[in-house]
Every structure is written in structure tokens, then in C-alpha cells.
Amino acid sequence: MIENSGIPCVGRRRRGRGSRFDLGVVALCLTAAMLVGCRNEASTSKAPATKADGSAVQAASAQKAASAAEPVELKATELSPTITIEKPVLDLGEVGTDSKRTGGFRFTNTGKSPLKILQVHSCCGVAPRGVEAGQEFAPGESGTLEFDYLVGSTPSPAVTKELRMRTNDPEHMIVSFVVKASIVRKVECTPRALRLFLKRENAGCGDVTIRSMDGQPFSISSIKSTANAISIDYDPNVKATEFVLKPRPDMEKLPHNVRGVVSFDLTHPECGNVRVLFDVLPEFTVNPAHLMVFNVRPNQPVKRELLILSNYQDEFEIESVSSQKGLIKLLDKKKLGNRYQLEVEIAVPTRQREDTIVADVLEVKIKDGESVSIPFRGFYGED
């Protein structure tokens, strides 16, 4: 039995010796067998737990690794920068159109390591200054992101502008600074548009009134108009709350500048500029105003009809019709009271490899008057 247990026996029964020696050997072998059995039982009692619950072992290992890494993570958090903004939203209240406002946002590095500014993003109409990319702030150090807000010319009850800044703060990698305002008119200009006529005295232009709406006196520092088509006398030394101005259109420049603007620079603290649009009724209207043809092909002429109308109901004669590049020729013209109907033919030239369009300008010369220009654009079709 002892040999079958796997424990080697250290002695055997010998002839000529007594039974006392045999009993000692048996006792020694039994003791060894018991010890080996205890070790086997202990190992077999642990094995089921390892095989049956491997996740528990993995969780224990993960917990041990986490506990070992915890002091390092805590140290990194304690040494991180932290940006703290005193007032992230600034409400400017009512601001005048075409004015300029300035302000700033104060912030502090309340962390334990340097705060680095990585990027500063502007916003439409609002330009940041005072803080630049790459700038660093030591722990406890403060800074101010300043801005210049150029207010637009359109009133609006609620406008929100947002500046952004990217930092190395792990909790606030992108921070926002919000500017709010209500845009109102502090200076009123009437009329806001001038309708002018070539056949009327002074082009039918009336007075222009500029008035302060908040009682603040101001002066006019300069007046400019498109192509200097309209001039206005003013004294930059005069300061008042209301000005009544008398525009003088240039009747020679006006026919060539049928649309434009008159700009008034002011010294009003809440309005630096006001503008008046002008629109001139031309002597003639062409329908269509532009000749545009798609899928044109070489050697395939295109015919089109045009109508030329006198806006002032005047009789007129067409003296000649030509084109700048010679691609357009007159086929027929009919006079219908104070208008002409024209039929023209457009010759499409041979297409070069890089060409996608063909262009020309039709010139209609009015007898004892100006020429009417009608642009043409043709788009080549696919071969």
C-alpha cells in the first residue's frame, strides 16, 4: 500500500533483524504520505477558484494596477493649469449703428502649472487683442482678452458675438467669451434713398436731413459720393443736433453712374457714419438687359430679339448698331412709338481647346444721344 501511494519507501524488511526497525520505517512513510496529501489538497482547493472565476482574478489585478497608478494621476491633476474667467458674458446694452465699442474679459490661472494660450479666434465684427497664441500665464497670474467691436449699420434688438480661446487646461481646452448688444439708430438720415431723374431740374433731388436721436450734438467731417456724381456743401466746424443738406447731382456724370451711395462721416460718439443710396432712372431700358445664350456651337448662328424703350416717353432714332468684336449683326429693326424692336444674329466663332465662353458687346448709338451697351455671353455646349 505504501508503494502504491507514490511515496518511495526508505527501507525494507531484512532478514536477521527484529520487527522494531520495520515499524519505524512504516511510521516514517505514513508521515510523509500525510504531508504530501495535505499539499495536494491545498493545491486542489485553490484550483477551482482560479478556473471557475478568472474575472475575479483579473479584477484583482486591475485594482492592484490602478492603486499603483493612482498617486501618479493625482499628482498630474494637481499640477494642471486652470483658467478661471471673471465674467464670460459682457452685455454692452444699446449701441449705435456704425459705431465702435471696446471692452475686455479678465481671466486668471488658478491652477498649479503655467497656462498656455494655443489659439485666439476672432468673430465677425469683433477683433481680439491683448492676448496672443503662445503666451503663457504663471499660476496666480491674470490676463485680459480685449476686443474692438465695429458695430454694423443694421439695427437689431439682440446681437451675440463670441470670441474663443484654446488653452492647455485639460478641463477647459476651449473657452468662450460672449459679447451681447442691442443695435439702435442714434442718428437718423432722411430720406434713406434718393430717386433721381435725368430729365428733371437738379435730377429731382430734394433735401437730406441728418438728425441726432439722443440729443448728442455732432459735426459732419466729410461727404463722399460714388464717382463724385453728387456734391453737397457743408462746414466741418459747425456742431449741431440736426443738419439740412442740399445735394447737387452732376448731370454729366449721373447718366454713367445710375446707382451709387452718398456717405457722411460724423463725429457723433454713437454713430460714425450714415449713408444715402441713390438710383437714377436711365434714359433707356433694354429688355433683356444682357444677352446670354447656353450651348452655343461654332458655325451655328443664334438669333435674338431686343426691345429698347425710352423711360421718359421721348421720341428717338437709332443711328447705328454694331458690336465690339463683330460677332453680332443687326438683321432688322422696327420702330413702335417710343421704342424699337431689334432682331440680331450672333455668329459663334470656332472654339479653342481652353475656351468655355464667347463674349461681345452690342453698341446701339442713339441719334443726338448716348450709346446703349448690351453685353453678350455665350456658353459652349459639349462636343
Protein backbone atom coordinates (compact mmCIF):
# COMPACT_ATOMS: atom_id res chain seq x y z
CA MET A 1 0.00 0.00 0.00
CA ILE A 2 2.79 2.40 0.74
CA GLU A 3 4.48 1.75 -2.59
CA ASN A 4 1.15 2.33 -4.46
CA SER A 5 0.74 5.74 -2.80
CA GLY A 6 3.67 7.01 -4.83
CA ILE A 7 5.90 7.61 -1.77
CA PRO A 8 9.23 5.80 -2.04
CA CYS A 9 9.95 3.66 0.95
CA VAL A 10 13.38 4.20 2.51
CA GLY A 11 13.80 0.79 3.98
CA ARG A 12 12.82 -2.85 3.53
CA ARG A 13 12.45 -5.74 5.81
CA ARG A 14 15.78 -7.52 6.26
CA ARG A 15 16.49 -10.95 7.47
CA GLY A 16 18.14 -11.30 10.78
CA ARG A 17 16.63 -8.04 12.23
CA GLY A 18 13.69 -7.54 14.57
CA SER A 19 10.22 -6.07 13.86
CA ARG A 20 11.05 -2.78 15.71
CA PHE A 21 13.01 -1.49 12.74
CA ASP A 22 10.15 -2.33 10.35
CA LEU A 23 7.62 -0.41 12.44
CA GLY A 24 9.80 2.72 12.42
CA VAL A 25 10.10 2.65 8.68
CA VAL A 26 6.34 2.28 8.30
CA ALA A 27 5.69 5.21 10.65
CA LEU A 28 8.08 7.41 8.67
CA CYS A 29 6.43 6.53 5.39
CA LEU A 30 2.94 7.23 6.74
CA THR A 31 4.02 10.66 7.98
CA ALA A 32 5.46 11.56 4.59
CA ALA A 33 2.30 10.42 2.83
CA MET A 34 0.16 12.61 5.06
CA LEU A 35 2.30 15.65 4.33
CA VAL A 36 2.12 15.09 0.56
CA GLY A 37 -1.65 14.62 0.79
CA CYS A 38 -2.03 17.93 2.62
CA ARG A 39 -0.08 19.73 -0.09
CA ASN A 40 -2.17 18.10 -2.84
CA GLU A 41 -5.39 19.00 -1.04
CA ALA A 42 -4.33 22.60 -0.65
CA SER A 43 -3.43 22.92 -4.32
CA THR A 44 -6.66 21.26 -5.45
CA SER A 45 -8.73 23.54 -3.19
CA LYS A 46 -7.26 26.66 -4.85
CA ALA A 47 -7.51 25.43 -8.45
CA PRO A 48 -11.32 25.55 -8.74
CA ALA A 49 -11.38 29.20 -7.69
CA THR A 50 -8.86 30.13 -10.39
CA LYS A 51 -10.62 28.16 -13.11
CA ALA A 52 -14.20 29.00 -12.12
CA ASP A 53 -13.70 32.72 -11.54
CA GLY A 54 -10.99 34.07 -13.84
CA SER A 55 -12.67 37.50 -13.96
CA ALA A 56 -12.22 37.89 -10.23
CA VAL A 57 -8.51 37.35 -10.63
CA GLN A 58 -8.35 39.88 -13.49
CA ALA A 59 -10.34 42.42 -11.47
CA ALA A 60 -7.98 41.98 -8.58
CA SER A 61 -5.01 42.53 -10.88
CA ALA A 62 -6.62 45.64 -12.42
CA GLN A 63 -7.41 47.03 -8.97
CA LYS A 64 -3.83 46.44 -7.92
CA ALA A 65 -2.54 48.23 -11.06
CA ALA A 66 -4.95 51.12 -10.55
CA SER A 67 -3.91 51.53 -6.95
CA ALA A 68 -0.30 51.59 -8.07
CA ALA A 69 -1.05 54.30 -10.74
CA GLU A 70 -3.34 56.40 -8.55
CA PRO A 71 -0.65 58.55 -6.92
CA VAL A 72 0.82 59.49 -10.36
CA GLU A 73 -2.59 60.53 -11.77
CA LEU A 74 -3.39 62.59 -8.70
CA LYS A 75 -0.06 64.36 -8.96
CA ALA A 76 -0.67 65.24 -12.64
CA THR A 77 -4.11 66.66 -11.83
CA GLU A 78 -2.78 68.79 -9.01
CA LEU A 79 -0.13 70.28 -11.34
CA SER A 80 -2.52 71.13 -14.21
CA PRO A 81 -3.33 74.74 -15.21
CA THR A 82 -6.86 76.03 -14.65
CA ILE A 83 -8.33 79.07 -16.41
CA THR A 84 -10.96 80.98 -14.44
CA ILE A 85 -12.89 83.77 -16.21
CA GLU A 86 -14.31 86.50 -14.02
CA LYS A 87 -17.18 87.43 -16.34
CA PRO A 88 -17.54 85.31 -19.52
CA VAL A 89 -20.57 87.28 -20.81
CA LEU A 90 -20.44 91.05 -21.36
CA ASP A 91 -23.65 92.92 -22.23
CA LEU A 92 -22.94 96.31 -23.81
CA GLY A 93 -26.60 97.33 -23.78
CA GLU A 94 -27.71 99.74 -26.51
CA VAL A 95 -25.05 100.65 -29.07
CA GLY A 96 -25.41 102.95 -32.05
CA THR A 97 -25.14 101.85 -35.66
CA ASP A 98 -21.76 102.37 -37.34
CA SER A 99 -20.04 102.91 -34.00
CA LYS A 100 -17.06 101.34 -32.25
CA ARG A 101 -17.05 99.75 -28.79
CA THR A 102 -14.17 98.32 -26.80
CA GLY A 103 -14.07 96.01 -23.79
CA GLY A 104 -12.25 93.11 -22.19
CA PHE A 105 -12.54 89.79 -20.37
CA ARG A 106 -10.29 89.21 -17.35
CA PHE A 107 -9.11 85.68 -16.54
CA THR A 108 -6.72 84.08 -14.01
CA ASN A 109 -4.66 80.91 -13.94
CA THR A 110 -5.89 79.31 -10.70
CA GLY A 111 -4.03 76.05 -11.37
CA LYS A 112 -0.60 74.79 -10.32
CA SER A 113 1.29 74.93 -13.64
CA PRO A 114 1.68 77.52 -16.44
CA LEU A 115 -1.40 78.24 -18.56
CA LYS A 116 -0.53 78.39 -22.26
CA ILE A 117 -2.70 80.09 -24.89
CA LEU A 118 -2.71 77.93 -28.00
CA GLN A 119 -5.10 79.89 -30.25
CA VAL A 120 -7.28 83.01 -30.17
CA HIS A 121 -10.27 83.03 -32.54
CA SER A 122 -11.93 86.27 -33.66
CA CYS A 123 -15.56 86.83 -34.61
CA CYS A 124 -17.25 88.76 -37.41
CA GLY A 125 -17.05 92.44 -36.48
CA VAL A 126 -15.13 91.77 -33.24
CA ALA A 127 -11.30 91.80 -33.25
CA PRO A 128 -9.47 90.42 -30.17
CA ARG A 129 -6.24 91.91 -28.84
CA GLY A 130 -4.04 91.81 -25.73
CA VAL A 131 -3.62 88.01 -25.72
CA GLU A 132 -1.74 86.09 -28.39
CA ALA A 133 -1.12 82.45 -29.26
CA GLY A 134 1.94 81.09 -27.44
CA GLN A 135 1.55 83.42 -24.47
CA GLU A 136 1.87 81.82 -21.03
CA PHE A 137 0.49 82.79 -17.62
CA ALA A 138 2.12 81.53 -14.42
CA PRO A 139 -0.01 80.12 -11.57
CA GLY A 140 -1.89 83.02 -9.99
CA GLU A 141 -1.19 85.35 -12.94
CA SER A 142 -4.07 87.18 -14.65
CA GLY A 143 -4.64 88.46 -18.16
CA THR A 144 -7.26 90.38 -20.15
CA LEU A 145 -8.60 89.48 -23.58
CA GLU A 146 -9.53 92.88 -25.02
CA PHE A 147 -11.67 93.46 -28.11
CA ASP A 148 -12.77 96.11 -30.60
CA TYR A 149 -16.37 95.79 -31.74
CA LEU A 150 -17.19 97.54 -35.02
CA VAL A 151 -20.98 97.82 -34.99
CA GLY A 152 -22.80 97.35 -38.29
CA SER A 153 -25.27 99.68 -39.94
CA THR A 154 -28.36 97.49 -39.49
CA PRO A 155 -30.39 97.85 -36.26
CA SER A 156 -31.03 94.65 -34.33
CA PRO A 157 -32.63 94.14 -30.89
CA ALA A 158 -30.29 91.31 -29.88
CA VAL A 159 -26.81 90.61 -31.26
CA THR A 160 -24.44 87.99 -29.85
CA LYS A 161 -20.76 87.76 -30.76
CA GLU A 162 -18.47 85.01 -29.48
CA LEU A 163 -14.69 85.02 -29.11
CA ARG A 164 -12.92 81.72 -28.40
CA MET A 165 -9.58 80.80 -26.91
CA ARG A 166 -7.88 77.39 -26.92
CA THR A 167 -5.65 76.59 -23.93
CA ASN A 168 -3.69 73.73 -22.38
CA ASP A 169 -6.15 73.49 -19.47
CA PRO A 170 -7.29 69.84 -19.69
CA GLU A 171 -10.71 70.73 -18.25
CA HIS A 172 -11.23 73.86 -20.38
CA MET A 173 -9.41 73.31 -23.65
CA ILE A 174 -11.74 75.79 -25.41
CA VAL A 175 -13.24 78.75 -23.54
CA SER A 176 -15.79 81.27 -24.86
CA PHE A 177 -16.18 84.99 -24.30
CA VAL A 178 -19.60 86.36 -25.30
CA VAL A 179 -20.40 89.96 -26.26
CA LYS A 180 -24.07 90.97 -26.33
CA ALA A 181 -25.59 94.21 -27.61
CA SER A 182 -28.74 95.86 -28.90
CA ILE A 183 -28.03 97.88 -32.05
CA VAL A 184 -30.17 101.01 -32.44
CA ARG A 185 -30.03 104.15 -34.54
CA LYS A 186 -28.56 107.10 -32.68
CA VAL A 187 -28.53 109.26 -35.83
CA GLU A 188 -31.39 109.36 -38.34
CA CYS A 189 -30.96 110.22 -42.01
CA THR A 190 -33.97 111.03 -44.21
CA PRO A 191 -34.58 110.08 -46.89
CA ARG A 192 -32.50 106.91 -46.83
CA ALA A 193 -32.56 106.69 -50.64
CA LEU A 194 -32.73 109.25 -53.45
CA ARG A 195 -34.69 108.59 -56.66
CA LEU A 196 -33.15 110.76 -59.39
CA PHE A 197 -34.30 111.63 -62.91
CA LEU A 198 -32.24 112.83 -65.85
CA LYS A 199 -34.99 114.98 -67.34
CA ARG A 200 -35.78 116.98 -64.20
CA GLU A 201 -34.17 120.04 -62.67
CA ASN A 202 -31.45 119.08 -60.17
CA ALA A 203 -32.37 115.48 -61.11
CA GLY A 204 -35.46 115.89 -58.93
CA CYS A 205 -33.23 115.66 -55.83
CA GLY A 206 -34.60 117.09 -52.56
CA ASP A 207 -33.02 117.94 -49.22
CA VAL A 208 -31.29 115.40 -46.96
CA THR A 209 -31.75 115.76 -43.19
CA ILE A 210 -29.36 114.25 -40.64
CA ARG A 211 -30.61 114.39 -37.04
CA SER A 212 -29.33 113.20 -33.67
CA MET A 213 -31.86 110.95 -31.95
CA ASP A 214 -30.25 111.05 -28.49
CA GLY A 215 -29.65 114.80 -28.28
CA GLN A 216 -25.89 114.47 -28.74
CA PRO A 217 -24.51 117.29 -30.96
CA PHE A 218 -22.12 116.33 -33.75
CA SER A 219 -20.44 117.71 -36.85
CA ILE A 220 -20.00 116.43 -40.40
CA SER A 221 -16.34 115.66 -41.05
CA SER A 222 -16.58 114.58 -44.70
CA ILE A 223 -19.01 113.77 -47.53
CA LYS A 224 -18.24 111.42 -50.42
CA SER A 225 -20.35 110.04 -53.29
CA THR A 226 -19.89 107.38 -55.98
CA ALA A 227 -17.80 108.82 -58.84
CA ASN A 228 -18.39 112.28 -57.30
CA ALA A 229 -21.75 112.25 -59.06
CA ILE A 230 -23.36 114.20 -56.18
CA SER A 231 -21.80 117.08 -54.24
CA ILE A 232 -23.01 118.75 -51.02
CA ASP A 233 -21.77 121.90 -49.28
CA TYR A 234 -21.02 121.58 -45.53
CA ASP A 235 -18.93 123.21 -42.80
CA PRO A 236 -16.94 120.73 -40.67
CA ASN A 237 -16.62 123.33 -37.90
CA VAL A 238 -20.36 123.53 -37.29
CA LYS A 239 -21.71 121.33 -34.50
CA ALA A 240 -25.43 120.72 -34.12
CA THR A 241 -28.08 118.09 -33.46
CA GLU A 242 -29.62 118.49 -36.94
CA PHE A 243 -28.37 119.32 -40.43
CA VAL A 244 -30.44 120.03 -43.54
CA LEU A 245 -28.30 119.49 -46.63
CA LYS A 246 -28.90 120.28 -50.31
CA PRO A 247 -27.37 117.72 -52.72
CA ARG A 248 -26.35 118.84 -56.23
CA PRO A 249 -26.21 115.99 -58.78
CA ASP A 250 -23.74 116.30 -61.63
CA MET A 251 -25.93 115.90 -64.72
CA GLU A 252 -22.96 114.85 -66.88
CA LYS A 253 -21.73 112.12 -64.52
CA LEU A 254 -25.16 110.90 -63.46
CA PRO A 255 -26.07 109.07 -66.72
CA HIS A 256 -22.92 106.93 -66.34
CA ASN A 257 -23.47 106.24 -62.63
CA VAL A 258 -27.12 105.32 -62.30
CA ARG A 259 -26.59 103.63 -58.91
CA GLY A 260 -24.41 104.70 -56.01
CA VAL A 261 -24.19 105.98 -52.46
CA VAL A 262 -23.56 109.23 -50.62
CA SER A 263 -21.51 108.70 -47.42
CA PHE A 264 -21.47 111.13 -44.47
CA ASP A 265 -18.71 110.81 -41.84
CA LEU A 266 -19.85 112.15 -38.47
CA THR A 267 -18.30 112.97 -35.08
CA HIS A 268 -21.27 111.64 -33.13
CA PRO A 269 -19.97 109.40 -30.29
CA GLU A 270 -22.51 106.67 -31.08
CA CYS A 271 -22.59 106.90 -34.89
CA GLY A 272 -19.56 107.48 -37.09
CA ASN A 273 -21.24 107.27 -40.48
CA VAL A 274 -24.59 107.40 -42.27
CA ARG A 275 -25.27 106.63 -45.92
CA VAL A 276 -27.89 107.55 -48.50
CA LEU A 277 -28.35 105.39 -51.60
CA PHE A 278 -29.22 106.95 -54.94
CA ASP A 279 -30.82 105.41 -58.01
CA VAL A 280 -31.12 107.17 -61.35
CA LEU A 281 -33.85 106.36 -63.86
CA PRO A 282 -31.82 105.87 -67.06
CA GLU A 283 -32.92 107.37 -70.33
CA PHE A 284 -33.43 103.96 -71.93
CA THR A 285 -34.31 100.50 -70.76
CA VAL A 286 -33.19 97.42 -72.73
CA ASN A 287 -35.05 94.14 -72.46
CA PRO A 288 -33.27 91.82 -71.99
CA ALA A 289 -30.52 93.87 -70.40
CA HIS A 290 -27.98 91.07 -71.08
CA LEU A 291 -27.80 88.60 -73.94
CA MET A 292 -26.97 85.19 -72.51
CA VAL A 293 -27.08 82.02 -74.60
CA PHE A 294 -26.25 78.46 -73.49
CA ASN A 295 -24.98 75.51 -75.53
CA VAL A 296 -23.71 77.62 -78.42
CA ARG A 297 -21.83 75.77 -81.17
CA PRO A 298 -19.38 77.02 -83.80
CA ASN A 299 -20.84 77.85 -87.19
CA GLN A 300 -24.37 77.71 -85.81
CA PRO A 301 -25.63 81.35 -85.65
CA VAL A 302 -28.06 82.35 -82.90
CA LYS A 303 -30.91 84.84 -83.40
CA ARG A 304 -32.33 87.01 -80.62
CA GLU A 305 -34.77 89.93 -80.26
CA LEU A 306 -34.23 93.07 -78.19
CA LEU A 307 -36.56 95.87 -77.11
CA ILE A 308 -35.22 99.40 -76.44
CA LEU A 309 -37.64 101.70 -74.57
CA SER A 310 -37.44 105.43 -73.73
CA ASN A 311 -38.14 105.81 -69.98
CA TYR A 312 -39.05 109.48 -70.43
CA GLN A 313 -41.55 108.86 -73.26
CA ASP A 314 -39.35 110.72 -75.75
CA GLU A 315 -39.19 110.00 -79.47
CA PHE A 316 -35.71 108.81 -80.54
CA GLU A 317 -33.90 107.42 -83.54
CA ILE A 318 -31.30 104.65 -83.70
CA GLU A 319 -28.32 105.89 -85.67
CA SER A 320 -26.27 102.67 -85.83
CA VAL A 321 -25.88 99.17 -84.40
CA SER A 322 -22.51 97.44 -84.09
CA SER A 323 -20.56 95.08 -81.88
CA GLN A 324 -17.10 95.43 -80.38
CA LYS A 325 -15.81 92.10 -81.76
CA GLY A 326 -18.01 91.94 -84.83
CA LEU A 327 -19.83 88.79 -83.70
CA ILE A 328 -23.29 90.43 -83.59
CA LYS A 329 -25.04 91.99 -86.56
CA LEU A 330 -28.42 93.68 -86.99
CA LEU A 331 -30.96 91.75 -89.06
CA ASP A 332 -33.99 94.01 -88.61
CA LYS A 333 -35.32 96.94 -86.59
CA LYS A 334 -38.87 98.19 -86.10
CA LYS A 335 -39.97 101.45 -84.52
CA LEU A 336 -43.03 101.17 -82.29
CA GLY A 337 -43.78 104.66 -80.94
CA ASN A 338 -41.16 105.45 -78.29
CA ARG A 339 -39.48 102.05 -78.56
CA TYR A 340 -37.51 99.96 -81.01
CA GLN A 341 -37.60 96.22 -81.62
CA LEU A 342 -34.32 94.79 -82.89
CA GLU A 343 -33.51 91.38 -84.32
CA VAL A 344 -29.84 90.42 -84.20
CA GLU A 345 -27.77 87.42 -85.21
CA ILE A 346 -24.80 86.14 -83.23
CA ALA A 347 -22.02 84.32 -85.06
CA VAL A 348 -20.30 81.73 -82.86
CA PRO A 349 -16.57 81.52 -83.58
CA THR A 350 -14.53 78.32 -83.72
CA ARG A 351 -13.88 77.08 -80.22
CA GLN A 352 -10.34 76.88 -78.94
CA ARG A 353 -9.47 73.99 -76.67
CA GLU A 354 -9.40 76.10 -73.47
CA ASP A 355 -12.45 78.24 -74.32
CA THR A 356 -15.68 77.79 -72.38
CA ILE A 357 -17.45 81.05 -73.22
CA VAL A 358 -17.63 83.60 -76.01
CA ALA A 359 -18.32 87.28 -75.25
CA ASP A 360 -19.08 90.52 -77.09
CA VAL A 361 -20.86 93.85 -76.52
CA LEU A 362 -23.63 95.22 -78.76
CA GLU A 363 -23.48 99.02 -79.12
CA VAL A 364 -26.69 100.86 -80.09
CA LYS A 365 -25.96 104.52 -80.93
CA ILE A 366 -28.90 106.86 -80.30
CA LYS A 367 -29.06 109.85 -82.64
CA ASP A 368 -28.11 113.04 -80.77
CA GLY A 369 -27.70 110.97 -77.65
CA GLU A 370 -25.65 108.38 -75.83
CA SER A 371 -24.91 104.82 -76.84
CA VAL A 372 -26.69 101.90 -75.20
CA SER A 373 -24.44 98.93 -74.45
CA ILE A 374 -25.82 95.39 -74.27
CA PRO A 375 -23.30 92.69 -73.16
CA PHE A 376 -23.41 89.19 -74.67
CA ARG A 377 -22.10 85.94 -73.22
CA GLY A 378 -22.41 82.55 -74.85
CA PHE A 379 -21.51 79.24 -73.20
CA TYR A 380 -20.19 76.49 -75.41
CA GLY A 381 -22.04 73.19 -75.35
CA GLU A 382 -20.35 69.82 -75.02
CA ASP A 383 -18.89 68.41 -78.22
